[in-house]
Amino acid sequence: MKVETRVPETIRLRHAVQFHDGPVDQVDRAVEFAGAAVRRGERLALAVPADVEQAVFRAVGEAGIVSLATPSGAGGGSGQTTAALRARELRALVQSDAGVTVLCAHDPALDGVDGGYWTELDAALNVALGDLPVDVVCLYPGFPLHLEVLEGAQANHQYLMVGGALQENPRHRCPQVVLRERDPSTPLVLGPPDLTHRYNSWQLHEVRGLVATLAPELGFDPVRAEDLVLAVNEVATNAVEHGSPQAEIHLWATAAGLVCEVHDTGELTEPLPGMVAPHPADPRGRGIWIARQLCDLLHVWRDRTGTHVRMHATP
């Protein structure tokens, strides 16, 4: 699979980390930060665990504060998916150059098996939000359960929040480098698929037909079904055009919608595909980005067998 990520010419995002000493200290720092932001008249958005959010609301009130959506997390989501969600939310919130201040906080419930969710999320945020006038401050434990959480936080943030001020982080690295140096973020293994179909570029109509047939049976209305067919077609086409002459699609019909995986034997050269909208003048390179906008979850990963994309869409 060949996908290129467009890097913004001007990085406007300021992505900072502040380390805390435990749950109580995390709440205290969140309340202090939120109160200062509100007093400065900044537009504040929260992406924090429920208990931290409630503590902030009790201390400073809810007026003018936006609660960002809860991610799917390690139980089926991915850092890529959460970053794409955050990008959609924050682009809608940003008004001209006024910008938005975002407070995030680590939630151990989303760690997964090794804490890699957070490394992937912060790296993906650096790409997806790079051109936005947004300040993102992330509260992380100084002594997390998984060392991956600490190392990822140290590598993915351009700034350290120290004493209420931003300082350059000497350990910050390019997000693509961070992800290429770690094991790929593989989602949870699903059971045997309900349907498997091998196809080539001449058989893409068969892939579209399979999805179009399944969608109404799973409760998708005609408009949402068209979105789903388009998303799967974009990914399936990319697999046989840039991955390998033949690819394979796996489908799971579930009570929560349709899960689809596309597998090809090609090499994934870009660990964060489709995180940024392509330039209107670019003739190609928009397939994965389009699919991310249409699916509830889209996760791309690699292993020794090739490149894989998992999509989940709900009616």
C-alpha atoms as a PDB file:
ATOM      1  CA  MET A   1       0.000   0.000   0.000  1.00  0.00           C
ATOM      2  CA  LYS A   2       1.422   3.350  -1.054  1.00  0.00           C
ATOM      3  CA  VAL A   3       0.097   6.338   0.854  1.00  0.00           C
ATOM      4  CA  GLU A   4       1.769   9.693   1.287  1.00  0.00           C
ATOM      5  CA  THR A   5       1.017  12.042   4.171  1.00  0.00           C
ATOM      6  CA  ARG A   6       0.953  15.743   3.368  1.00  0.00           C
ATOM      7  CA  VAL A   7       2.891  17.674   6.000  1.00  0.00           C
ATOM      8  CA  PRO A   8       1.629  21.226   6.678  1.00  0.00           C
ATOM      9  CA  GLU A   9       3.983  23.985   5.519  1.00  0.00           C
ATOM     10  CA  THR A  10       3.461  25.845   8.800  1.00  0.00           C
ATOM     11  CA  ILE A  11       3.027  23.969  12.081  1.00  0.00           C
ATOM     12  CA  ARG A  12       0.552  25.896  14.242  1.00  0.00           C
ATOM     13  CA  LEU A  13      -0.189  23.163  16.765  1.00  0.00           C
ATOM     14  CA  ARG A  14       1.457  23.464  20.178  1.00  0.00           C
ATOM     15  CA  HIS A  15       1.423  20.008  21.762  1.00  0.00           C
ATOM     16  CA  ALA A  16       2.657  19.851  25.356  1.00  0.00           C
ATOM     17  CA  VAL A  17       2.888  17.289  28.138  1.00  0.00           C
ATOM     18  CA  GLN A  18       2.694  17.794  31.894  1.00  0.00           C
ATOM     19  CA  PHE A  19       3.589  14.898  34.160  1.00  0.00           C
ATOM     20  CA  HIS A  20       1.720  14.266  37.400  1.00  0.00           C
ATOM     21  CA  ASP A  21       2.281  12.105  40.478  1.00  0.00           C
ATOM     22  CA  GLY A  22      -0.957  10.122  40.497  1.00  0.00           C
ATOM     23  CA  PRO A  23      -4.758  10.390  40.234  1.00  0.00           C
ATOM     24  CA  VAL A  24      -5.170  13.093  42.888  1.00  0.00           C
ATOM     25  CA  ASP A  25      -2.386  15.209  41.429  1.00  0.00           C
ATOM     26  CA  GLN A  26      -3.853  14.703  37.943  1.00  0.00           C
ATOM     27  CA  VAL A  27      -7.194  16.132  39.065  1.00  0.00           C
ATOM     28  CA  ASP A  28      -5.517  19.048  40.849  1.00  0.00           C
ATOM     29  CA  ARG A  29      -3.464  19.935  37.764  1.00  0.00           C
ATOM     30  CA  ALA A  30      -6.503  19.621  35.481  1.00  0.00           C
ATOM     31  CA  VAL A  31      -8.563  21.956  37.672  1.00  0.00           C
ATOM     32  CA  GLU A  32      -5.710  24.458  37.907  1.00  0.00           C
ATOM     33  CA  PHE A  33      -5.113  24.439  34.141  1.00  0.00           C
ATOM     34  CA  ALA A  34      -8.813  24.681  33.247  1.00  0.00           C
ATOM     35  CA  GLY A  35      -9.383  27.526  35.699  1.00  0.00           C
ATOM     36  CA  ALA A  36      -6.471  29.509  34.271  1.00  0.00           C
ATOM     37  CA  ALA A  37      -7.669  28.946  30.689  1.00  0.00           C
ATOM     38  CA  VAL A  38     -11.206  30.092  31.523  1.00  0.00           C
ATOM     39  CA  ARG A  39      -9.930  33.202  33.297  1.00  0.00           C
ATOM     40  CA  ARG A  40      -7.883  34.076  30.207  1.00  0.00           C
ATOM     41  CA  GLY A  41     -11.040  33.816  28.120  1.00  0.00           C
ATOM     42  CA  GLU A  42      -9.753  30.887  26.050  1.00  0.00           C
ATOM     43  CA  ARG A  43     -12.074  28.445  24.355  1.00  0.00           C
ATOM     44  CA  LEU A  44     -11.463  25.212  26.269  1.00  0.00           C
ATOM     45  CA  ALA A  45     -12.141  21.635  25.177  1.00  0.00           C
ATOM     46  CA  LEU A  46     -11.765  18.585  27.429  1.00  0.00           C
ATOM     47  CA  ALA A  47     -10.673  15.061  26.492  1.00  0.00           C
ATOM     48  CA  VAL A  48     -10.244  13.597  29.967  1.00  0.00           C
ATOM     49  CA  PRO A  49     -11.643  10.704  32.043  1.00  0.00           C
ATOM     50  CA  ALA A  50     -15.124  11.250  33.473  1.00  0.00           C
ATOM     51  CA  ASP A  51     -13.945  11.791  37.061  1.00  0.00           C
ATOM     52  CA  VAL A  52     -11.449  14.452  35.976  1.00  0.00           C
ATOM     53  CA  GLU A  53     -14.089  16.186  33.849  1.00  0.00           C
ATOM     54  CA  GLN A  54     -16.565  16.296  36.721  1.00  0.00           C
ATOM     55  CA  ALA A  55     -13.909  17.759  39.031  1.00  0.00           C
ATOM     56  CA  VAL A  56     -13.216  20.503  36.482  1.00  0.00           C
ATOM     57  CA  PHE A  57     -16.915  21.298  36.121  1.00  0.00           C
ATOM     58  CA  ARG A  58     -17.369  21.482  39.901  1.00  0.00           C
ATOM     59  CA  ALA A  59     -14.434  23.846  40.221  1.00  0.00           C
ATOM     60  CA  VAL A  60     -14.896  26.207  37.252  1.00  0.00           C
ATOM     61  CA  GLY A  61     -18.364  25.454  35.880  1.00  0.00           C
ATOM     62  CA  GLU A  62     -19.403  24.154  32.473  1.00  0.00           C
ATOM     63  CA  ALA A  63     -20.016  27.444  30.682  1.00  0.00           C
ATOM     64  CA  GLY A  64     -17.899  27.772  27.558  1.00  0.00           C
ATOM     65  CA  ILE A  65     -16.242  24.359  27.982  1.00  0.00           C
ATOM     66  CA  VAL A  66     -16.666  21.694  25.284  1.00  0.00           C
ATOM     67  CA  SER A  67     -16.484  17.985  26.088  1.00  0.00           C
ATOM     68  CA  LEU A  68     -14.881  16.061  23.242  1.00  0.00           C
ATOM     69  CA  ALA A  69     -16.263  12.655  22.261  1.00  0.00           C
ATOM     70  CA  THR A  70     -15.190   9.536  24.118  1.00  0.00           C
ATOM     71  CA  PRO A  71     -12.881   7.378  21.940  1.00  0.00           C
ATOM     72  CA  SER A  72     -13.470   3.720  21.205  1.00  0.00           C
ATOM     73  CA  GLY A  73     -10.193   2.938  22.975  1.00  0.00           C
ATOM     74  CA  ALA A  74      -8.209  -0.244  23.267  1.00  0.00           C
ATOM     75  CA  GLY A  75     -11.285  -2.439  23.147  1.00  0.00           C
ATOM     76  CA  GLY A  76     -11.559  -2.025  19.398  1.00  0.00           C
ATOM     77  CA  GLY A  77     -10.424   1.502  18.616  1.00  0.00           C
ATOM     78  CA  SER A  78      -6.999   2.905  17.892  1.00  0.00           C
ATOM     79  CA  GLY A  79      -4.939   6.020  18.355  1.00  0.00           C
ATOM     80  CA  GLN A  80      -5.303   6.699  14.635  1.00  0.00           C
ATOM     81  CA  THR A  81      -9.088   6.627  14.884  1.00  0.00           C
ATOM     82  CA  THR A  82      -9.170   8.872  17.946  1.00  0.00           C
ATOM     83  CA  ALA A  83      -6.822  11.384  16.295  1.00  0.00           C
ATOM     84  CA  ALA A  84      -9.024  11.524  13.195  1.00  0.00           C
ATOM     85  CA  LEU A  85     -12.047  12.103  15.457  1.00  0.00           C
ATOM     86  CA  ARG A  86     -10.247  14.885  17.328  1.00  0.00           C
ATOM     87  CA  ALA A  87      -9.264  16.546  14.044  1.00  0.00           C
ATOM     88  CA  ARG A  88     -12.896  16.651  12.888  1.00  0.00           C
ATOM     89  CA  GLU A  89     -14.082  18.023  16.234  1.00  0.00           C
ATOM     90  CA  LEU A  90     -11.406  20.691  16.544  1.00  0.00           C
ATOM     91  CA  ARG A  91     -11.667  21.879  12.959  1.00  0.00           C
ATOM     92  CA  ALA A  92     -15.330  22.530  13.681  1.00  0.00           C
ATOM     93  CA  LEU A  93     -14.437  24.446  16.870  1.00  0.00           C
ATOM     94  CA  VAL A  94     -11.632  26.605  15.498  1.00  0.00           C
ATOM     95  CA  GLN A  95     -12.921  30.020  14.485  1.00  0.00           C
ATOM     96  CA  SER A  96     -10.529  31.967  12.278  1.00  0.00           C
ATOM     97  CA  ASP A  97      -7.289  32.438  14.243  1.00  0.00           C
ATOM     98  CA  ALA A  98      -8.955  32.422  17.654  1.00  0.00           C
ATOM     99  CA  GLY A  99      -7.864  28.857  18.207  1.00  0.00           C
ATOM    100  CA  VAL A 100      -8.814  26.362  20.896  1.00  0.00           C
ATOM    101  CA  THR A 101      -7.098  25.133  24.044  1.00  0.00           C
ATOM    102  CA  VAL A 102      -7.470  21.402  24.656  1.00  0.00           C
ATOM    103  CA  LEU A 103      -6.824  19.591  27.926  1.00  0.00           C
ATOM    104  CA  CYS A 104      -6.233  15.857  27.588  1.00  0.00           C
ATOM    105  CA  ALA A 105      -5.505  13.329  30.306  1.00  0.00           C
ATOM    106  CA  HIS A 106      -4.185   9.788  30.291  1.00  0.00           C
ATOM    107  CA  ASP A 107      -6.755   7.121  31.104  1.00  0.00           C
ATOM    108  CA  PRO A 108      -5.261   3.707  32.023  1.00  0.00           C
ATOM    109  CA  ALA A 109      -8.470   2.037  30.814  1.00  0.00           C
ATOM    110  CA  LEU A 110      -7.294   2.781  27.256  1.00  0.00           C
ATOM    111  CA  ASP A 111      -3.750   1.438  27.672  1.00  0.00           C
ATOM    112  CA  GLY A 112      -4.400  -1.899  26.014  1.00  0.00           C
ATOM    113  CA  VAL A 113      -1.775  -4.580  26.464  1.00  0.00           C
ATOM    114  CA  ASP A 114       1.266  -2.292  26.383  1.00  0.00           C
ATOM    115  CA  GLY A 115       0.206   1.355  26.410  1.00  0.00           C
ATOM    116  CA  GLY A 116       0.890   1.738  22.695  1.00  0.00           C
ATOM    117  CA  TYR A 117      -2.512   3.358  22.151  1.00  0.00           C
ATOM    118  CA  TRP A 118      -1.159   6.612  23.614  1.00  0.00           C
ATOM    119  CA  THR A 119       2.039   6.629  21.550  1.00  0.00           C
ATOM    120  CA  GLU A 120       0.030   6.171  18.375  1.00  0.00           C
ATOM    121  CA  LEU A 121      -2.567   8.768  19.412  1.00  0.00           C
ATOM    122  CA  ASP A 122      -0.072  11.540  20.182  1.00  0.00           C
ATOM    123  CA  ALA A 123       1.959  10.862  17.034  1.00  0.00           C
ATOM    124  CA  ALA A 124      -1.209  10.937  14.937  1.00  0.00           C
ATOM    125  CA  LEU A 125      -2.370  14.177  16.595  1.00  0.00           C
ATOM    126  CA  ASN A 126       0.904  15.824  15.584  1.00  0.00           C
ATOM    127  CA  VAL A 127       0.053  15.073  11.950  1.00  0.00           C
ATOM    128  CA  ALA A 128      -3.731  15.536  11.974  1.00  0.00           C
ATOM    129  CA  LEU A 129      -3.716  18.837  13.920  1.00  0.00           C
ATOM    130  CA  GLY A 130      -0.440  20.275  12.654  1.00  0.00           C
ATOM    131  CA  ASP A 131      -1.963  23.171  10.713  1.00  0.00           C
ATOM    132  CA  LEU A 132      -4.547  24.180  13.322  1.00  0.00           C
ATOM    133  CA  PRO A 133      -4.112  27.065  15.823  1.00  0.00           C
ATOM    134  CA  VAL A 134      -4.639  24.680  18.728  1.00  0.00           C
ATOM    135  CA  ASP A 135      -2.835  24.266  22.048  1.00  0.00           C
ATOM    136  CA  VAL A 136      -3.065  20.706  23.366  1.00  0.00           C
ATOM    137  CA  VAL A 137      -1.829  19.967  26.882  1.00  0.00           C
ATOM    138  CA  CYS A 138      -1.736  16.303  27.908  1.00  0.00           C
ATOM    139  CA  LEU A 139      -1.556  15.159  31.533  1.00  0.00           C
ATOM    140  CA  TYR A 140       0.488  11.956  31.859  1.00  0.00           C
ATOM    141  CA  PRO A 141       1.615   9.981  34.914  1.00  0.00           C
ATOM    142  CA  GLY A 142       5.287  10.230  35.719  1.00  0.00           C
ATOM    143  CA  PHE A 143       5.183   6.555  36.777  1.00  0.00           C
ATOM    144  CA  PRO A 144       2.729   4.736  34.453  1.00  0.00           C
ATOM    145  CA  LEU A 145       1.998   1.018  34.493  1.00  0.00           C
ATOM    146  CA  HIS A 146       3.556   0.622  31.029  1.00  0.00           C
ATOM    147  CA  LEU A 147       6.947   2.171  30.228  1.00  0.00           C
ATOM    148  CA  GLU A 148       5.664   2.645  26.663  1.00  0.00           C
ATOM    149  CA  VAL A 149       3.265   5.335  27.932  1.00  0.00           C
ATOM    150  CA  LEU A 150       6.087   7.394  29.454  1.00  0.00           C
ATOM    151  CA  GLU A 151       8.486   6.967  26.527  1.00  0.00           C
ATOM    152  CA  GLY A 152       5.775   7.796  24.008  1.00  0.00           C
ATOM    153  CA  ALA A 153       4.769  10.935  25.913  1.00  0.00           C
ATOM    154  CA  GLN A 154       8.382  12.087  26.057  1.00  0.00           C
ATOM    155  CA  ALA A 155       8.903  11.567  22.305  1.00  0.00           C
ATOM    156  CA  ASN A 156       5.620  12.915  20.920  1.00  0.00           C
ATOM    157  CA  HIS A 157       5.275  16.325  22.574  1.00  0.00           C
ATOM    158  CA  GLN A 158       7.042  19.402  21.242  1.00  0.00           C
ATOM    159  CA  TYR A 159       6.769  21.119  24.624  1.00  0.00           C
ATOM    160  CA  LEU A 160       6.926  20.429  28.344  1.00  0.00           C
ATOM    161  CA  MET A 161       4.552  22.289  30.662  1.00  0.00           C
ATOM    162  CA  VAL A 162       6.637  23.378  33.632  1.00  0.00           C
ATOM    163  CA  GLY A 163       5.338  25.840  36.211  1.00  0.00           C
ATOM    164  CA  GLY A 164       2.525  26.909  33.926  1.00  0.00           C
ATOM    165  CA  ALA A 165       4.899  27.787  31.061  1.00  0.00           C
ATOM    166  CA  LEU A 166       5.871  25.938  27.889  1.00  0.00           C
ATOM    167  CA  GLN A 167       9.456  24.794  27.408  1.00  0.00           C
ATOM    168  CA  GLU A 168      10.987  23.159  24.337  1.00  0.00           C
ATOM    169  CA  ASN A 169      11.172  19.378  24.751  1.00  0.00           C
ATOM    170  CA  PRO A 170      14.625  18.127  23.698  1.00  0.00           C
ATOM    171  CA  ARG A 171      13.329  14.547  23.392  1.00  0.00           C
ATOM    172  CA  HIS A 172      10.619  15.368  20.848  1.00  0.00           C
ATOM    173  CA  ARG A 173      10.870  13.474  17.535  1.00  0.00           C
ATOM    174  CA  CYS A 174       9.068  13.320  14.203  1.00  0.00           C
ATOM    175  CA  PRO A 175       5.835  11.269  14.550  1.00  0.00           C
ATOM    176  CA  GLN A 176       6.651   9.017  11.587  1.00  0.00           C
ATOM    177  CA  VAL A 177      10.024   8.190  13.138  1.00  0.00           C
ATOM    178  CA  VAL A 178       8.426   7.429  16.503  1.00  0.00           C
ATOM    179  CA  LEU A 179       6.007   4.934  14.978  1.00  0.00           C
ATOM    180  CA  ARG A 180       8.497   3.296  12.613  1.00  0.00           C
ATOM    181  CA  GLU A 181      10.758   2.512  15.569  1.00  0.00           C
ATOM    182  CA  ARG A 182       8.089   0.648  17.550  1.00  0.00           C
ATOM    183  CA  ASP A 183       6.185  -2.550  16.915  1.00  0.00           C
ATOM    184  CA  PRO A 184       3.082  -1.992  14.766  1.00  0.00           C
ATOM    185  CA  SER A 185      -0.136  -1.326  16.632  1.00  0.00           C
ATOM    186  CA  THR A 186      -2.143  -4.459  15.872  1.00  0.00           C
ATOM    187  CA  PRO A 187      -5.842  -4.431  16.803  1.00  0.00           C
ATOM    188  CA  LEU A 188      -7.548  -7.181  18.753  1.00  0.00           C
ATOM    189  CA  VAL A 189      -7.920 -10.401  16.813  1.00  0.00           C
ATOM    190  CA  LEU A 190     -11.477 -11.110  15.705  1.00  0.00           C
ATOM    191  CA  GLY A 191     -13.063 -14.502  15.219  1.00  0.00           C
ATOM    192  CA  PRO A 192     -13.465 -16.165  11.811  1.00  0.00           C
ATOM    193  CA  PRO A 193     -15.063 -13.763   9.321  1.00  0.00           C
ATOM    194  CA  ASP A 194     -18.595 -14.314   8.085  1.00  0.00           C
ATOM    195  CA  LEU A 195     -17.401 -13.795   4.540  1.00  0.00           C
ATOM    196  CA  THR A 196     -14.016 -13.823   2.785  1.00  0.00           C
ATOM    197  CA  HIS A 197     -13.493 -12.765  -0.814  1.00  0.00           C
ATOM    198  CA  ARG A 198     -10.326 -12.542  -2.923  1.00  0.00           C
ATOM    199  CA  TYR A 199     -10.338  -9.982  -5.694  1.00  0.00           C
ATOM    200  CA  ASN A 200      -8.215  -8.050  -8.191  1.00  0.00           C
ATOM    201  CA  SER A 201      -8.653  -4.656  -9.829  1.00  0.00           C
ATOM    202  CA  TRP A 202     -11.155  -6.097 -12.322  1.00  0.00           C
ATOM    203  CA  GLN A 203     -13.310  -7.449  -9.506  1.00  0.00           C
ATOM    204  CA  LEU A 204     -13.812  -4.333  -7.415  1.00  0.00           C
ATOM    205  CA  HIS A 205     -17.464  -4.303  -8.464  1.00  0.00           C
ATOM    206  CA  GLU A 206     -17.829  -7.615  -6.617  1.00  0.00           C
ATOM    207  CA  VAL A 207     -16.481  -6.026  -3.413  1.00  0.00           C
ATOM    208  CA  ARG A 208     -18.909  -3.130  -3.738  1.00  0.00           C
ATOM    209  CA  GLY A 209     -21.740  -5.584  -4.381  1.00  0.00           C
ATOM    210  CA  LEU A 210     -20.982  -7.586  -1.240  1.00  0.00           C
ATOM    211  CA  VAL A 211     -21.085  -4.502   0.967  1.00  0.00           C
ATOM    212  CA  ALA A 212     -24.155  -3.079  -0.756  1.00  0.00           C
ATOM    213  CA  THR A 213     -26.010  -6.358  -0.167  1.00  0.00           C
ATOM    214  CA  LEU A 214     -25.030  -6.645   3.504  1.00  0.00           C
ATOM    215  CA  ALA A 215     -25.644  -3.032   4.514  1.00  0.00           C
ATOM    216  CA  PRO A 216     -29.484  -3.000   4.426  1.00  0.00           C
ATOM    217  CA  GLU A 217     -29.609  -6.313   6.281  1.00  0.00           C
ATOM    218  CA  LEU A 218     -27.596  -4.700   9.117  1.00  0.00           C
ATOM    219  CA  GLY A 219     -29.856  -1.678   9.422  1.00  0.00           C
ATOM    220  CA  PHE A 220     -28.007   0.850   7.266  1.00  0.00           C
ATOM    221  CA  ASP A 221     -30.285   3.363   5.583  1.00  0.00           C
ATOM    222  CA  PRO A 222     -29.652   4.084   1.870  1.00  0.00           C
ATOM    223  CA  VAL A 223     -27.486   7.154   2.488  1.00  0.00           C
ATOM    224  CA  ARG A 224     -25.355   5.516   5.165  1.00  0.00           C
ATOM    225  CA  ALA A 225     -25.079   2.385   3.009  1.00  0.00           C
ATOM    226  CA  GLU A 226     -23.698   4.483   0.148  1.00  0.00           C
ATOM    227  CA  ASP A 227     -21.130   5.970   2.538  1.00  0.00           C
ATOM    228  CA  LEU A 228     -20.082   2.502   3.618  1.00  0.00           C
ATOM    229  CA  VAL A 229     -19.751   1.208   0.054  1.00  0.00           C
ATOM    230  CA  LEU A 230     -17.655   4.261  -0.854  1.00  0.00           C
ATOM    231  CA  ALA A 231     -15.343   3.827   2.157  1.00  0.00           C
ATOM    232  CA  VAL A 232     -14.740   0.132   1.481  1.00  0.00           C
ATOM    233  CA  ASN A 233     -14.256   0.758  -2.229  1.00  0.00           C
ATOM    234  CA  GLU A 234     -11.596   3.425  -1.567  1.00  0.00           C
ATOM    235  CA  VAL A 235      -9.592   1.106   0.671  1.00  0.00           C
ATOM    236  CA  ALA A 236     -10.093  -1.954  -1.533  1.00  0.00           C
ATOM    237  CA  THR A 237      -9.008  -0.021  -4.623  1.00  0.00           C
ATOM    238  CA  ASN A 238      -5.907   1.294  -2.899  1.00  0.00           C
ATOM    239  CA  ALA A 239      -4.926  -2.256  -1.935  1.00  0.00           C
ATOM    240  CA  VAL A 240      -4.866  -3.620  -5.508  1.00  0.00           C
ATOM    241  CA  GLU A 241      -3.519  -0.462  -7.131  1.00  0.00           C
ATOM    242  CA  HIS A 242      -0.603   0.101  -4.747  1.00  0.00           C
ATOM    243  CA  GLY A 243      -0.316  -3.025  -2.589  1.00  0.00           C
ATOM    244  CA  SER A 244      -0.484  -6.262  -4.550  1.00  0.00           C
ATOM    245  CA  PRO A 245      -2.248  -7.530  -7.710  1.00  0.00           C
ATOM    246  CA  GLN A 246      -4.647  -9.510  -5.559  1.00  0.00           C
ATOM    247  CA  ALA A 247      -6.095  -8.602  -2.189  1.00  0.00           C
ATOM    248  CA  GLU A 248      -8.557 -10.130   0.247  1.00  0.00           C
ATOM    249  CA  ILE A 249     -11.541  -8.689   2.079  1.00  0.00           C
ATOM    250  CA  HIS A 250     -13.001 -10.130   5.299  1.00  0.00           C
ATOM    251  CA  LEU A 251     -16.455  -9.140   6.509  1.00  0.00           C
ATOM    252  CA  TRP A 252     -18.109  -9.526   9.915  1.00  0.00           C
ATOM    253  CA  ALA A 253     -21.807  -8.783  10.338  1.00  0.00           C
ATOM    254  CA  THR A 254     -22.353  -7.723  13.966  1.00  0.00           C
ATOM    255  CA  ALA A 255     -25.075  -6.232  16.118  1.00  0.00           C
ATOM    256  CA  ALA A 256     -23.063  -2.984  16.061  1.00  0.00           C
ATOM    257  CA  GLY A 257     -22.764  -2.782  12.287  1.00  0.00           C
ATOM    258  CA  LEU A 258     -20.236  -4.031   9.751  1.00  0.00           C
ATOM    259  CA  VAL A 259     -16.563  -4.766  10.361  1.00  0.00           C
ATOM    260  CA  CYS A 260     -14.413  -5.044   7.264  1.00  0.00           C
ATOM    261  CA  GLU A 261     -10.723  -5.847   6.836  1.00  0.00           C
ATOM    262  CA  VAL A 262      -8.756  -5.468   3.612  1.00  0.00           C
ATOM    263  CA  HIS A 263      -5.445  -7.321   3.353  1.00  0.00           C
ATOM    264  CA  ASP A 264      -2.744  -7.030   0.698  1.00  0.00           C
ATOM    265  CA  THR A 265       0.851  -8.231   0.537  1.00  0.00           C
ATOM    266  CA  GLY A 266       2.353  -4.818  -0.179  1.00  0.00           C
ATOM    267  CA  GLU A 267       4.574  -2.786   2.128  1.00  0.00           C
ATOM    268  CA  LEU A 268       3.170   0.058   4.202  1.00  0.00           C
ATOM    269  CA  THR A 269       5.645   2.930   3.842  1.00  0.00           C
ATOM    270  CA  GLU A 270       3.611   5.547   5.732  1.00  0.00           C
ATOM    271  CA  PRO A 271       2.579   4.648   9.315  1.00  0.00           C
ATOM    272  CA  LEU A 272      -0.084   7.386   9.479  1.00  0.00           C
ATOM    273  CA  PRO A 273      -2.020   7.257   6.211  1.00  0.00           C
ATOM    274  CA  GLY A 274      -5.039   9.444   5.620  1.00  0.00           C
ATOM    275  CA  MET A 275      -4.654  11.659   8.686  1.00  0.00           C
ATOM    276  CA  VAL A 276      -4.587  14.905   6.680  1.00  0.00           C
ATOM    277  CA  ALA A 277      -6.910  15.920   3.860  1.00  0.00           C
ATOM    278  CA  PRO A 278      -5.052  16.027   0.542  1.00  0.00           C
ATOM    279  CA  HIS A 279      -4.639  19.339  -1.202  1.00  0.00           C
ATOM    280  CA  PRO A 280      -7.468  19.993  -3.690  1.00  0.00           C
ATOM    281  CA  ALA A 281      -4.882  20.107  -6.483  1.00  0.00           C
ATOM    282  CA  ASP A 282      -3.577  16.634  -5.681  1.00  0.00           C
ATOM    283  CA  PRO A 283      -5.050  14.189  -8.216  1.00  0.00           C
ATOM    284  CA  ARG A 284      -4.650  11.168  -5.935  1.00  0.00           C
ATOM    285  CA  GLY A 285      -3.998  10.168  -2.326  1.00  0.00           C
ATOM    286  CA  ARG A 286      -7.407  10.883  -0.820  1.00  0.00           C
ATOM    287  CA  GLY A 287      -8.878   7.360  -0.545  1.00  0.00           C
ATOM    288  CA  ILE A 288      -7.832   6.502   3.028  1.00  0.00           C
ATOM    289  CA  TRP A 289      -8.696  10.016   4.214  1.00  0.00           C
ATOM    290  CA  ILE A 290     -12.198   9.744   2.721  1.00  0.00           C
ATOM    291  CA  ALA A 291     -12.694   6.347   4.351  1.00  0.00           C
ATOM    292  CA  ARG A 292     -11.609   7.749   7.747  1.00  0.00           C
ATOM    293  CA  GLN A 293     -14.315  10.418   7.505  1.00  0.00           C
ATOM    294  CA  LEU A 294     -17.026   7.853   6.741  1.00  0.00           C
ATOM    295  CA  CYS A 295     -16.162   5.086   9.225  1.00  0.00           C
ATOM    296  CA  ASP A 296     -16.472   4.966  13.000  1.00  0.00           C
ATOM    297  CA  LEU A 297     -13.113   3.209  13.112  1.00  0.00           C
ATOM    298  CA  LEU A 298     -10.323   2.862  10.577  1.00  0.00           C
ATOM    299  CA  HIS A 299      -7.026   1.352  11.633  1.00  0.00           C
ATOM    300  CA  VAL A 300      -4.047   0.617   9.384  1.00  0.00           C
ATOM    301  CA  TRP A 301      -1.188  -1.653  10.396  1.00  0.00           C
ATOM    302  CA  ARG A 302       1.577  -3.747   8.910  1.00  0.00           C
ATOM    303  CA  ASP A 303       3.210  -7.096   9.660  1.00  0.00           C
ATOM    304  CA  ARG A 304       5.396  -9.622   7.848  1.00  0.00           C
ATOM    305  CA  THR A 305       2.489 -10.663   5.616  1.00  0.00           C
ATOM    306  CA  GLY A 306       1.696  -7.175   4.295  1.00  0.00           C
ATOM    307  CA  THR A 307      -0.628  -4.256   4.953  1.00  0.00           C
ATOM    308  CA  HIS A 308      -4.012  -4.434   6.658  1.00  0.00           C
ATOM    309  CA  VAL A 309      -6.907  -2.022   7.118  1.00  0.00           C
ATOM    310  CA  ARG A 310      -9.770  -2.599   9.559  1.00  0.00           C
ATOM    311  CA  MET A 311     -12.945  -0.542   9.206  1.00  0.00           C
ATOM    312  CA  HIS A 312     -16.019  -0.510  11.429  1.00  0.00           C
ATOM    313  CA  ALA A 313     -19.181   1.358  10.516  1.00  0.00           C
ATOM    314  CA  THR A 314     -22.411   1.588  12.499  1.00  0.00           C
ATOM    315  CA  PRO A 315     -25.836   2.288  10.954  1.00  0.00           C
END
